[in-house]
Protein backbone atom coordinates (compact mmCIF):
# COMPACT_ATOMS: atom_id res chain seq x y z
CA MET A 1 108.93 102.70 96.57
CA ASN A 2 108.04 104.71 99.68
CA ASN A 3 105.89 107.69 100.59
CA GLU A 4 108.17 109.65 102.92
CA ALA A 5 108.90 112.56 100.57
CA GLU A 6 107.86 116.07 101.58
CA ASN A 7 108.07 119.75 100.59
CA THR A 8 107.06 119.04 97.01
CA SER A 9 106.91 122.71 96.01
CA GLU A 10 110.68 122.98 96.61
CA PHE A 11 111.37 119.33 95.86
CA GLU A 12 115.06 118.46 95.54
CA PHE A 13 117.03 115.25 95.31
CA LYS A 14 117.73 115.25 99.05
CA TYR A 15 114.00 114.96 99.75
CA LEU A 16 113.76 111.63 97.95
CA ILE A 17 114.27 109.95 101.35
CA PRO A 18 113.33 111.04 104.88
CA LYS A 19 115.44 113.67 106.62
CA THR A 20 115.90 111.20 109.48
CA ASN A 21 118.20 109.11 107.27
CA ASP A 22 121.87 109.86 106.59
CA ILE A 23 121.84 110.92 102.95
CA SER A 24 125.41 112.22 102.66
CA HIS A 25 126.44 109.10 100.75
CA ILE A 26 123.59 109.25 98.21
CA LYS A 27 125.27 109.89 94.86
CA THR A 28 123.59 107.46 92.44
CA ILE A 29 120.22 105.93 91.77
CA GLU A 30 121.62 102.56 92.91
CA GLN A 31 122.55 103.97 96.32
CA LEU A 32 119.17 105.62 96.63
CA GLU A 33 117.47 102.35 95.76
CA LYS A 34 119.28 100.48 98.55
CA VAL A 35 118.10 103.03 101.11
CA MET A 36 114.53 102.92 99.84
CA LEU A 37 114.43 99.11 99.84
CA SER A 38 115.10 99.18 103.58
CA MET A 39 111.87 101.16 104.10
CA PRO A 40 108.27 99.89 104.14
CA GLN A 41 106.94 99.51 100.60
CA ILE A 42 103.55 100.89 99.58
CA PRO A 43 100.78 99.38 97.43
CA CYS A 44 101.21 99.78 93.66
CA SER A 45 98.68 97.55 91.96
CA VAL A 46 99.77 96.11 88.58
CA VAL A 47 97.30 94.87 85.94
CA HIS A 48 98.50 92.82 82.96
CA LYS A 49 96.51 93.36 79.76
CA PHE A 50 96.85 91.02 76.77
CA GLY A 51 95.61 91.36 73.21
CA PRO A 52 96.69 90.13 69.77
CA GLY A 53 100.42 90.95 69.52
CA VAL A 54 100.40 93.35 72.48
CA TYR A 55 101.10 93.34 76.22
CA MET A 56 100.13 96.35 78.34
CA ARG A 57 101.41 96.73 81.91
CA GLU A 58 99.19 99.13 83.88
CA LEU A 59 100.58 100.48 87.14
CA PHE A 60 98.78 102.45 89.84
CA LEU A 61 101.04 104.95 91.68
CA PRO A 62 99.61 106.55 94.84
CA ALA A 63 100.08 110.25 95.62
CA GLY A 64 103.07 111.00 97.84
CA ALA A 65 105.10 108.02 96.63
CA VAL A 66 108.74 108.09 95.61
CA VAL A 67 109.35 105.64 92.77
CA ILE A 68 112.43 104.07 91.19
CA GLY A 69 111.59 101.95 88.15
CA HIS A 70 113.30 98.85 86.85
CA HIS A 71 115.57 99.40 83.85
CA GLN A 72 113.55 99.43 80.63
CA ASN A 73 115.52 97.53 77.97
CA PHE A 74 113.81 98.88 74.84
CA GLU A 75 111.91 101.83 73.44
CA HIS A 76 108.18 101.38 73.90
CA ILE A 77 104.91 103.28 74.03
CA ASN A 78 104.01 104.93 77.34
CA VAL A 79 100.43 105.98 78.07
CA PHE A 80 100.04 108.32 81.04
CA ILE A 81 96.34 107.89 81.79
CA LYS A 82 95.83 109.85 85.01
CA GLY A 83 97.73 112.05 87.47
CA ARG A 84 100.78 114.30 87.79
CA ILE A 85 104.40 113.12 88.19
CA THR A 86 107.83 114.78 88.42
CA PHE A 87 110.72 112.78 86.96
CA PHE A 88 114.33 113.34 88.08
CA ALA A 89 117.22 112.75 85.68
CA GLU A 90 120.73 111.74 86.69
CA ASP A 91 122.05 115.15 85.57
CA GLY A 92 119.82 116.90 88.14
CA THR A 93 117.16 118.09 85.71
CA ARG A 94 113.50 117.41 86.36
CA THR A 95 110.41 117.11 84.18
CA GLU A 96 106.82 117.37 85.31
CA LEU A 97 104.23 115.41 83.35
CA LYS A 98 100.46 115.79 83.53
CA ALA A 99 98.03 113.22 82.19
CA PRO A 100 96.68 112.42 79.73
CA MET A 101 99.53 111.94 77.28
CA THR A 102 101.18 109.30 75.10
CA PHE A 103 104.83 109.13 74.04
CA VAL A 104 107.71 106.78 73.21
CA GLY A 105 109.80 105.98 76.28
CA LYS A 106 113.56 105.48 75.97
CA PRO A 107 115.58 102.65 77.57
CA GLY A 108 116.87 103.31 81.09
CA ARG A 109 115.74 103.78 84.69
CA LYS A 110 113.54 106.53 86.10
CA LYS A 111 113.04 108.02 89.55
CA ALA A 112 110.01 110.14 90.26
CA TYR A 113 107.77 111.80 92.81
CA ILE A 114 104.01 111.16 92.47
CA HIS A 115 102.04 114.36 93.13
CA GLU A 116 98.59 112.87 92.46
CA ASP A 117 97.19 109.35 92.26
CA SER A 118 98.44 108.22 88.87
CA ILE A 119 97.90 105.44 86.36
CA TRP A 120 100.76 104.65 84.00
CA MET A 121 100.78 102.07 81.21
CA ASN A 122 103.73 100.54 79.35
CA VAL A 123 102.81 99.05 75.95
CA TYR A 124 104.97 96.32 74.40
CA ALA A 125 104.70 94.57 71.04
CA THR A 126 104.80 90.84 71.79
CA SER A 127 102.78 87.64 71.56
CA GLU A 128 104.20 86.29 74.83
CA THR A 129 101.72 85.97 77.72
CA ASP A 130 103.95 84.62 80.51
CA VAL A 131 104.52 87.60 82.84
CA GLU A 132 107.78 86.21 84.24
CA LYS A 133 109.20 85.82 80.71
CA LEU A 134 107.93 89.27 79.75
CA GLU A 135 109.60 90.89 82.77
CA ALA A 136 112.86 89.07 82.05
CA HIS A 137 112.85 90.28 78.44
CA PHE A 138 111.66 93.87 78.76
CA LEU A 139 113.06 94.76 82.20
CA THR A 140 116.43 94.42 83.90
CA LYS A 141 116.17 94.30 87.68
CA SER A 142 119.06 95.75 89.66
CA ALA A 143 121.49 93.79 91.83
CA ALA A 144 120.13 95.61 94.90
CA TRP A 145 116.57 94.58 94.09
CA ILE A 146 117.58 90.98 93.38
CA ASP A 147 119.50 90.77 96.67
CA ASP A 148 116.60 92.26 98.62
CA ASN A 149 114.12 89.90 96.96
CA SER A 150 116.35 86.91 97.74
CA GLU A 151 116.46 87.88 101.42
CA ARG A 152 112.68 88.21 101.53
CA GLU A 153 112.30 84.75 99.99
CA LYS A 154 114.44 83.28 102.78
CA VAL A 155 111.97 84.42 105.43
CA PRO A 156 109.69 81.42 106.07
CA LEU A 157 105.95 81.78 105.61
CA LEU A 158 104.34 81.18 109.01
CA SER A 159 101.55 79.09 107.54
CA SER A 160 103.65 77.06 105.07
CA SER A 161 104.33 74.14 107.44
CA SER A 162 100.66 73.84 108.41
CA ASP A 163 99.69 74.04 104.74
CA LYS A 164 102.05 71.18 103.94
CA GLU A 165 100.66 69.10 106.81
CA ASP A 166 97.10 69.76 105.69
CA TYR A 167 98.07 68.86 102.12
CA LEU A 168 99.26 65.45 103.33
CA VAL A 169 95.95 64.97 105.17
CA PHE A 170 94.13 65.86 101.94
CA LEU A 171 96.11 63.19 100.05
CA GLY A 172 95.09 60.59 102.60
CA GLU A 173 91.44 61.58 102.45
CA PHE A 174 91.37 61.03 98.68
CA SER A 175 93.74 58.01 98.67
CA LEU A 176 96.35 59.87 96.62
CA THR A 177 100.14 59.83 96.76
CA GLU A 178 102.48 62.80 96.42
CA GLU A 179 104.18 61.10 93.48
CA TYR A 180 100.92 60.62 91.62
CA VAL A 181 99.74 64.19 92.19
CA ARG A 182 103.09 65.64 91.17
CA LYS A 183 103.14 63.58 87.98
CA ILE A 184 99.66 64.76 87.03
CA SER A 185 100.34 68.39 87.95
CA GLU A 186 103.57 68.53 85.93
CA GLU A 187 101.88 67.21 82.80
CA LYS A 188 101.98 69.92 80.12
CA ASN A 189 99.86 68.40 77.36
CA ASP A 190 96.66 69.74 78.93
CA MET A 191 97.92 73.32 79.44
CA ILE A 192 96.28 76.27 77.70
CA ALA A 193 97.05 80.00 77.71
CA LEU A 194 94.64 82.40 79.36
CA PRO A 195 92.30 84.15 76.91
CA TYR A 196 93.09 87.75 75.96
CA GLY A 197 92.01 90.10 78.73
CA ASN A 198 93.06 91.85 81.94
CA TYR A 199 94.73 89.92 84.76
CA LYS A 200 96.11 90.76 88.20
CA ILE A 201 98.24 87.63 88.55
CA LYS A 202 101.59 86.09 87.69
CA THR A 203 103.51 82.93 88.56
CA ALA A 204 106.56 83.04 90.83
CA ALA A 205 108.50 80.96 93.35
CA SER A 206 106.28 79.88 96.23
CA LYS A 207 107.13 79.42 99.91
CA ILE A 208 104.42 76.77 100.05
CA GLU A 209 105.64 74.57 97.19
CA GLY A 210 107.39 75.02 93.86
CA ILE A 211 105.79 77.66 91.68
CA GLY A 212 102.68 79.47 92.89
CA LEU A 213 100.14 81.98 91.60
CA PHE A 214 100.52 85.51 93.00
CA ALA A 215 98.42 88.66 92.97
CA THR A 216 100.02 91.68 91.30
CA GLY A 217 96.92 93.85 91.53
CA ASN A 218 94.48 94.22 94.41
CA ILE A 219 91.71 91.63 94.07
CA GLU A 220 88.35 92.10 95.76
CA LYS A 221 86.30 89.43 97.51
CA ASN A 222 84.15 87.47 95.00
CA GLU A 223 86.14 88.83 92.06
CA VAL A 224 86.91 86.32 89.29
CA ILE A 225 90.70 86.01 89.25
CA CYS A 226 90.95 83.95 86.05
CA SER A 227 89.70 80.82 84.33
CA ALA A 228 91.34 77.77 85.87
CA ARG A 229 90.11 75.28 83.29
CA ILE A 230 88.82 75.83 79.76
CA ASN A 231 87.54 72.96 77.60
CA LEU A 232 89.14 70.42 79.96
CA LYS A 233 92.52 72.17 79.72
CA ARG A 234 94.30 73.92 82.59
CA THR A 235 95.45 77.52 82.59
CA ILE A 236 98.08 78.83 85.00
CA GLY A 237 95.21 79.26 87.46
CA GLY A 238 94.51 75.54 87.41
CA ARG A 239 98.14 74.49 87.24
CA TYR A 240 99.92 76.71 89.76
CA THR A 241 97.38 77.53 92.48
CA ASN A 242 98.74 75.89 95.64
CA HIS A 243 96.84 74.35 98.55
CA SER A 244 96.34 76.10 101.88
CA SER A 245 94.49 75.25 105.06
CA ARG A 246 93.40 78.90 105.07
CA PRO A 247 92.78 79.66 101.39
CA ASN A 248 91.95 83.07 99.94
CA ALA A 249 90.24 81.71 96.81
CA LYS A 250 88.13 78.83 95.54
CA MET A 251 87.25 77.07 92.31
CA ILE A 252 83.68 77.34 91.04
CA ASN A 253 81.80 75.92 88.07
CA GLY A 254 81.50 78.35 85.16
CA GLU A 255 79.77 78.14 81.81
CA PHE A 256 80.16 74.96 79.74
CA ASN A 257 81.65 73.17 82.79
CA ASP A 258 84.71 75.38 82.73
CA ILE A 259 86.23 76.19 86.13
CA LEU A 260 86.79 79.71 87.47
CA LEU A 261 89.17 80.82 90.22
CA VAL A 262 87.39 83.30 92.52
CA ALA A 263 88.63 85.30 95.53
CA THR A 264 86.98 84.46 98.87
CA ARG A 265 88.40 87.59 100.53
CA ASP A 266 90.28 90.72 99.50
CA ILE A 267 93.78 89.81 98.25
CA LEU A 268 96.60 92.36 98.26
CA GLY A 269 98.60 93.04 95.10
CA CYS A 270 102.13 94.39 94.60
CA HIS A 271 103.88 96.48 97.26
CA GLY A 272 106.76 98.42 95.75
CA GLY A 273 108.50 96.01 93.43
CA GLN A 274 107.38 92.93 95.38
CA ASP A 275 104.63 90.56 94.31
CA GLY A 276 101.47 90.49 96.36
CA GLU A 277 99.86 87.62 98.24
CA GLU A 278 100.01 84.07 96.97
CA ILE A 279 96.61 82.87 95.78
CA THR A 280 95.57 79.55 97.35
CA VAL A 281 92.63 77.16 97.45
CA ASP A 282 91.55 74.16 99.52
CA TYR A 283 92.22 71.16 97.27
CA ARG A 284 89.37 69.25 98.92
CA GLU A 285 86.80 71.65 97.46
CA SER A 286 88.58 71.77 94.12
CA MET A 287 88.73 67.99 93.90
CA LYS A 288 85.04 67.59 94.68
CA LEU A 289 84.13 70.17 92.05
CA ASN A 290 86.39 68.52 89.50
CA LEU A 291 84.81 65.12 90.09
CA GLN A 292 81.27 66.58 89.96
CA ILE A 293 81.79 67.96 86.46
CA GLY A 294 83.55 64.87 85.14
CA GLY A 295 87.22 65.77 85.36
CA SER A 296 90.11 63.41 86.06
CA LYS A 297 90.91 62.45 89.64
CA CYS A 298 93.54 65.16 90.09
CA GLN A 299 94.08 68.28 88.03
CA GLN A 300 95.57 70.54 90.69
CA SER A 301 99.19 71.28 91.54
CA GLN A 302 101.29 71.24 94.66
């Protein structure tokens, strides 16, 4: 996704990328995607909404953006809540849509130009609440996207080494071993699904350690990200939030001694098709809170 398109009144396929690029080879959506992935990606906040038997994926698309979607594997309900968008088909035809409207979307990929700030929602019938599993089932991500994502994952996180060092200091301060903490964190008997609601998070591979918790939507300072513990059971917020020496969130005591995960600064969500910032806490504070309200010695993950 990028925002370099221009001349929207006479918009043609050649304007899907900047004039400064060589576009003579652009014949397919796959080729276009490769060129766009080499450009800076723009914010496109994603909110995951869960209810009984339904998953709704709400996407914010900023005006001026050029968008190529992942391949949708099945027919599903689309709710165009706000904005104006022009879609471009492979045969050269185009369709302009204006919100609000609801319709059944067909399988396939879409490329579009966003004329106005837009909100688009995909609605899927499912009882699954794991976003990674949902994406794997309902969407097929292209080889170009997978390759680009793999290259991004290879780039080391500047703070990851210092986070690991600080984590080891934390273990010493609380007389814990890595083996003990890992055993406790990988226990699944105390896991619980998040309650139905709206969430701006998902789990994914972490550059800090193992699996981490990532922002998909923009999260504001002091915003409740999710429940980390409910009735002494851990959600993904309590299980997969990694430690950092410079955290962007913290655990606080909620009602009935439940634990909430709260942002301590603004946290950026998705850019293009990439996940946003990893959500982290200082395990020292989390441990002290856990002990204060009567939890076990270690209920965090690393």
